[in-house]
């Protein structure tokens, strides 16, 4: 089962595409660029449509989604952690 989508190899997050992801759950993501899969263990519950970290990110690092820079981490983010407004902010302001 595919739990999240990743568009580009350089992406640091994927997007949850199923309801009810729970902390501790083993997740499979589909890397669309090369039709491969990536596996992570969810650290937190992750709502559908929200992001899950596929790489470890340090505070201040750029967050990549869909092959684009979508902002910066304002806290360290572990692989499998829920990535959202509490740990990612825009670079616009």
N, C-alpha and C. Protein backbone atom coordinates (compact mmCIF):
# COMPACT_ATOMS: atom_id res chain seq x y z
N UNK A 1 0.84 -1.19 0.00
CA UNK A 1 0.00 0.00 0.00
C UNK A 1 0.88 1.24 0.00
N UNK A 2 0.50 2.23 -0.79
CA UNK A 2 1.21 3.51 -0.83
C UNK A 2 0.54 4.45 0.17
N UNK A 3 1.35 5.00 1.09
CA UNK A 3 0.86 5.90 2.13
C UNK A 3 1.13 7.37 1.82
N UNK A 4 2.22 7.62 1.05
CA UNK A 4 2.57 9.00 0.72
C UNK A 4 3.24 9.05 -0.64
N UNK A 5 3.22 10.25 -1.25
CA UNK A 5 3.82 10.48 -2.56
C UNK A 5 5.00 11.41 -2.45
N UNK A 6 6.05 11.10 -3.20
CA UNK A 6 7.23 11.95 -3.33
C UNK A 6 7.43 12.14 -4.83
N UNK A 7 7.56 13.38 -5.27
CA UNK A 7 7.66 13.64 -6.70
C UNK A 7 9.07 13.58 -7.24
N UNK A 8 10.02 14.11 -6.52
CA UNK A 8 11.38 14.32 -7.02
C UNK A 8 12.39 13.72 -6.06
N UNK A 9 13.48 13.19 -6.59
CA UNK A 9 14.52 12.58 -5.74
C UNK A 9 15.08 13.55 -4.71
N UNK A 10 15.10 14.85 -5.01
CA UNK A 10 15.67 15.81 -4.05
C UNK A 10 14.67 16.24 -2.98
N UNK A 11 13.41 15.81 -3.08
CA UNK A 11 12.40 16.19 -2.09
C UNK A 11 12.80 15.68 -0.70
N UNK A 12 12.54 16.49 0.30
CA UNK A 12 12.81 16.10 1.69
C UNK A 12 11.53 15.70 2.42
N UNK A 13 10.39 15.88 1.75
CA UNK A 13 9.10 15.49 2.33
C UNK A 13 8.24 14.81 1.26
N UNK A 14 7.31 14.00 1.73
CA UNK A 14 6.28 13.42 0.88
C UNK A 14 4.92 13.81 1.44
N UNK A 15 3.87 13.63 0.65
CA UNK A 15 2.52 14.02 1.05
C UNK A 15 1.68 12.78 1.34
N UNK A 16 1.09 12.74 2.53
CA UNK A 16 0.23 11.62 2.93
C UNK A 16 -1.01 11.57 2.03
N UNK A 17 -1.30 10.39 1.51
CA UNK A 17 -2.44 10.22 0.60
C UNK A 17 -3.47 9.25 1.16
N UNK A 18 -3.32 8.85 2.41
CA UNK A 18 -4.30 7.98 3.07
C UNK A 18 -4.68 8.58 4.42
N UNK A 19 -5.87 8.27 4.86
CA UNK A 19 -6.35 8.70 6.18
C UNK A 19 -5.76 7.81 7.27
N UNK A 20 -5.60 8.38 8.44
CA UNK A 20 -5.34 7.59 9.63
C UNK A 20 -3.91 7.10 9.84
N UNK A 21 -2.91 7.80 9.31
CA UNK A 21 -1.53 7.40 9.59
C UNK A 21 -1.26 7.65 11.08
N UNK A 22 -0.79 6.62 11.76
CA UNK A 22 -0.55 6.68 13.20
C UNK A 22 0.94 6.58 13.52
N UNK A 23 1.35 7.21 14.61
CA UNK A 23 2.72 7.12 15.09
C UNK A 23 3.11 5.65 15.24
N UNK A 24 4.30 5.31 14.78
CA UNK A 24 4.81 3.95 14.88
C UNK A 24 4.51 3.09 13.66
N UNK A 25 3.65 3.58 12.79
CA UNK A 25 3.26 2.82 11.60
C UNK A 25 4.38 2.84 10.55
N UNK A 26 4.62 1.70 9.94
CA UNK A 26 5.58 1.62 8.82
C UNK A 26 4.87 2.12 7.56
N UNK A 27 5.50 3.08 6.88
CA UNK A 27 4.89 3.72 5.71
C UNK A 27 5.70 3.43 4.46
N UNK A 28 5.01 3.33 3.35
CA UNK A 28 5.64 3.18 2.05
C UNK A 28 5.25 4.38 1.19
N UNK A 29 6.26 5.00 0.61
CA UNK A 29 6.02 6.13 -0.29
C UNK A 29 6.43 5.78 -1.70
N UNK A 30 5.73 6.36 -2.66
CA UNK A 30 6.05 6.16 -4.07
C UNK A 30 6.83 7.36 -4.56
N UNK A 31 8.07 7.13 -5.02
CA UNK A 31 8.91 8.17 -5.61
C UNK A 31 8.62 8.20 -7.10
N UNK A 32 7.84 9.17 -7.51
CA UNK A 32 7.30 9.22 -8.87
C UNK A 32 8.38 9.40 -9.94
N UNK A 33 9.46 10.13 -9.61
CA UNK A 33 10.49 10.43 -10.60
C UNK A 33 11.07 9.17 -11.23
N UNK A 34 11.29 8.13 -10.43
CA UNK A 34 11.90 6.91 -10.99
C UNK A 34 11.08 5.65 -10.68
N UNK A 35 9.85 5.83 -10.24
CA UNK A 35 8.93 4.72 -9.96
C UNK A 35 9.50 3.75 -8.93
N UNK A 36 10.17 4.30 -7.92
CA UNK A 36 10.70 3.47 -6.83
C UNK A 36 9.87 3.73 -5.57
N UNK A 37 10.20 3.04 -4.50
CA UNK A 37 9.53 3.26 -3.23
C UNK A 37 10.54 3.66 -2.16
N UNK A 38 10.02 4.30 -1.13
CA UNK A 38 10.82 4.68 0.02
C UNK A 38 10.01 4.31 1.26
N UNK A 39 10.68 3.82 2.28
CA UNK A 39 10.01 3.39 3.50
C UNK A 39 10.49 4.20 4.68
N UNK A 40 9.53 4.65 5.51
CA UNK A 40 9.84 5.36 6.75
C UNK A 40 8.87 4.89 7.82
N UNK A 41 9.24 5.10 9.05
CA UNK A 41 8.37 4.81 10.19
C UNK A 41 7.83 6.13 10.70
N UNK A 42 6.52 6.27 10.77
CA UNK A 42 5.91 7.52 11.24
C UNK A 42 6.24 7.76 12.70
N UNK A 43 6.74 8.94 13.00
CA UNK A 43 7.03 9.32 14.38
C UNK A 43 5.78 9.89 15.05
N UNK A 44 4.95 10.56 14.25
CA UNK A 44 3.72 11.19 14.75
C UNK A 44 2.54 10.72 13.91
N UNK A 45 1.33 10.98 14.39
CA UNK A 45 0.16 10.83 13.54
C UNK A 45 0.30 11.87 12.42
N UNK A 46 -0.09 11.49 11.20
CA UNK A 46 0.03 12.41 10.07
C UNK A 46 -1.30 12.44 9.32
N UNK A 47 -1.97 13.60 9.32
CA UNK A 47 -3.25 13.71 8.61
C UNK A 47 -3.06 13.63 7.10
N UNK A 48 -4.09 13.15 6.41
CA UNK A 48 -4.06 13.11 4.95
C UNK A 48 -3.79 14.53 4.43
N UNK A 49 -2.96 14.62 3.40
CA UNK A 49 -2.62 15.91 2.81
C UNK A 49 -1.47 16.62 3.46
N UNK A 50 -1.03 16.14 4.63
CA UNK A 50 0.11 16.75 5.32
C UNK A 50 1.40 16.06 4.90
N UNK A 51 2.51 16.65 5.30
CA UNK A 51 3.82 16.16 4.88
C UNK A 51 4.46 15.26 5.93
N UNK A 52 5.23 14.30 5.42
CA UNK A 52 6.06 13.44 6.27
C UNK A 52 7.50 13.60 5.77
N UNK A 53 8.44 13.76 6.69
CA UNK A 53 9.85 13.92 6.32
C UNK A 53 10.42 12.59 5.83
N UNK A 54 11.07 12.65 4.69
CA UNK A 54 11.71 11.46 4.12
C UNK A 54 13.22 11.49 4.30
N UNK A 55 13.73 12.63 4.74
CA UNK A 55 15.14 12.78 5.07
C UNK A 55 15.23 13.56 6.37
N UNK A 56 16.32 13.43 7.07
CA UNK A 56 16.55 14.25 8.27
C UNK A 56 16.85 15.67 7.81
N UNK A 57 16.23 16.64 8.48
CA UNK A 57 16.39 18.04 8.11
C UNK A 57 16.82 18.81 9.35
N UNK A 58 17.81 19.66 9.20
CA UNK A 58 18.28 20.52 10.30
C UNK A 58 17.57 21.86 10.24
N UNK A 59 17.39 22.47 11.38
CA UNK A 59 16.80 23.80 11.45
C UNK A 59 17.57 24.75 10.51
N UNK A 60 16.83 25.47 9.69
CA UNK A 60 17.44 26.40 8.73
C UNK A 60 17.58 25.81 7.33
N UNK A 61 17.48 24.48 7.20
CA UNK A 61 17.59 23.83 5.89
C UNK A 61 16.36 24.11 5.04
N UNK A 62 16.55 24.09 3.74
CA UNK A 62 15.46 24.22 2.79
C UNK A 62 14.64 22.93 2.76
N UNK A 63 13.34 23.09 2.65
CA UNK A 63 12.42 21.97 2.50
C UNK A 63 12.05 21.87 1.03
N UNK A 64 12.19 20.68 0.47
CA UNK A 64 11.88 20.43 -0.94
C UNK A 64 10.65 19.55 -1.05
N UNK A 65 9.68 20.00 -1.87
CA UNK A 65 8.44 19.27 -2.13
C UNK A 65 8.08 19.49 -3.59
N UNK A 66 7.73 18.42 -4.28
CA UNK A 66 7.41 18.50 -5.72
C UNK A 66 8.57 19.06 -6.53
N UNK A 67 9.80 18.91 -6.02
CA UNK A 67 10.97 19.43 -6.72
C UNK A 67 11.19 20.92 -6.52
N UNK A 68 10.41 21.55 -5.64
CA UNK A 68 10.51 22.99 -5.42
C UNK A 68 10.82 23.31 -3.97
N UNK A 69 11.50 24.44 -3.77
CA UNK A 69 11.79 24.99 -2.45
C UNK A 69 10.47 25.55 -1.91
N UNK A 70 9.96 24.95 -0.81
CA UNK A 70 8.70 25.42 -0.24
C UNK A 70 8.88 26.16 1.08
N UNK A 71 10.11 26.30 1.53
CA UNK A 71 10.35 27.01 2.79
C UNK A 71 11.57 26.48 3.51
N UNK A 72 11.65 26.82 4.79
CA UNK A 72 12.80 26.38 5.58
C UNK A 72 12.32 25.76 6.89
N UNK A 73 13.11 24.85 7.38
CA UNK A 73 12.83 24.22 8.67
C UNK A 73 13.15 25.22 9.78
N UNK A 74 12.26 25.32 10.75
CA UNK A 74 12.50 26.18 11.91
C UNK A 74 12.82 25.35 13.15
N UNK A 75 12.93 24.05 12.94
CA UNK A 75 13.34 23.10 13.98
C UNK A 75 13.91 21.89 13.25
N UNK A 76 14.71 21.10 13.94
CA UNK A 76 15.17 19.86 13.35
C UNK A 76 13.96 18.95 13.10
N UNK A 77 13.98 18.24 11.98
CA UNK A 77 12.88 17.34 11.64
C UNK A 77 13.49 15.97 11.35
N UNK A 78 13.01 14.96 12.05
CA UNK A 78 13.52 13.60 11.89
C UNK A 78 12.79 12.88 10.76
N UNK A 79 13.45 11.88 10.19
CA UNK A 79 12.80 11.04 9.19
C UNK A 79 11.55 10.43 9.81
N UNK A 80 10.43 10.53 9.10
CA UNK A 80 9.16 10.00 9.58
C UNK A 80 8.34 10.96 10.41
N UNK A 81 8.87 12.15 10.67
CA UNK A 81 8.16 13.13 11.49
C UNK A 81 7.15 13.93 10.65
N UNK A 82 6.07 14.34 11.28
CA UNK A 82 5.08 15.21 10.66
C UNK A 82 5.75 16.55 10.38
N UNK A 83 5.71 16.97 9.12
CA UNK A 83 6.32 18.24 8.71
C UNK A 83 5.19 19.19 8.31
N UNK A 84 5.03 20.28 9.06
CA UNK A 84 3.90 21.19 8.82
C UNK A 84 4.27 22.56 9.38
N UNK A 85 3.30 23.40 9.62
CA UNK A 85 3.55 24.79 10.03
C UNK A 85 4.26 24.92 11.38
N UNK A 86 4.27 23.88 12.18
CA UNK A 86 4.96 23.97 13.48
C UNK A 86 6.48 23.81 13.34
N UNK A 87 6.95 23.29 12.19
CA UNK A 87 8.40 23.13 12.01
C UNK A 87 8.90 23.57 10.64
N UNK A 88 8.01 24.13 9.81
CA UNK A 88 8.37 24.69 8.50
C UNK A 88 7.72 26.05 8.35
N UNK A 89 8.49 27.01 7.85
CA UNK A 89 7.97 28.34 7.58
C UNK A 89 8.38 28.77 6.17
N UNK A 90 7.60 29.67 5.59
CA UNK A 90 7.94 30.23 4.30
C UNK A 90 9.19 31.08 4.41
N UNK A 91 9.88 31.26 3.29
CA UNK A 91 11.03 32.16 3.25
C UNK A 91 10.62 33.57 2.82
N UNK A 92 9.34 33.75 2.52
CA UNK A 92 8.85 35.03 2.01
C UNK A 92 8.86 36.13 3.06
N UNK A 93 8.65 35.77 4.33
CA UNK A 93 8.66 36.78 5.39
C UNK A 93 9.08 36.19 6.69
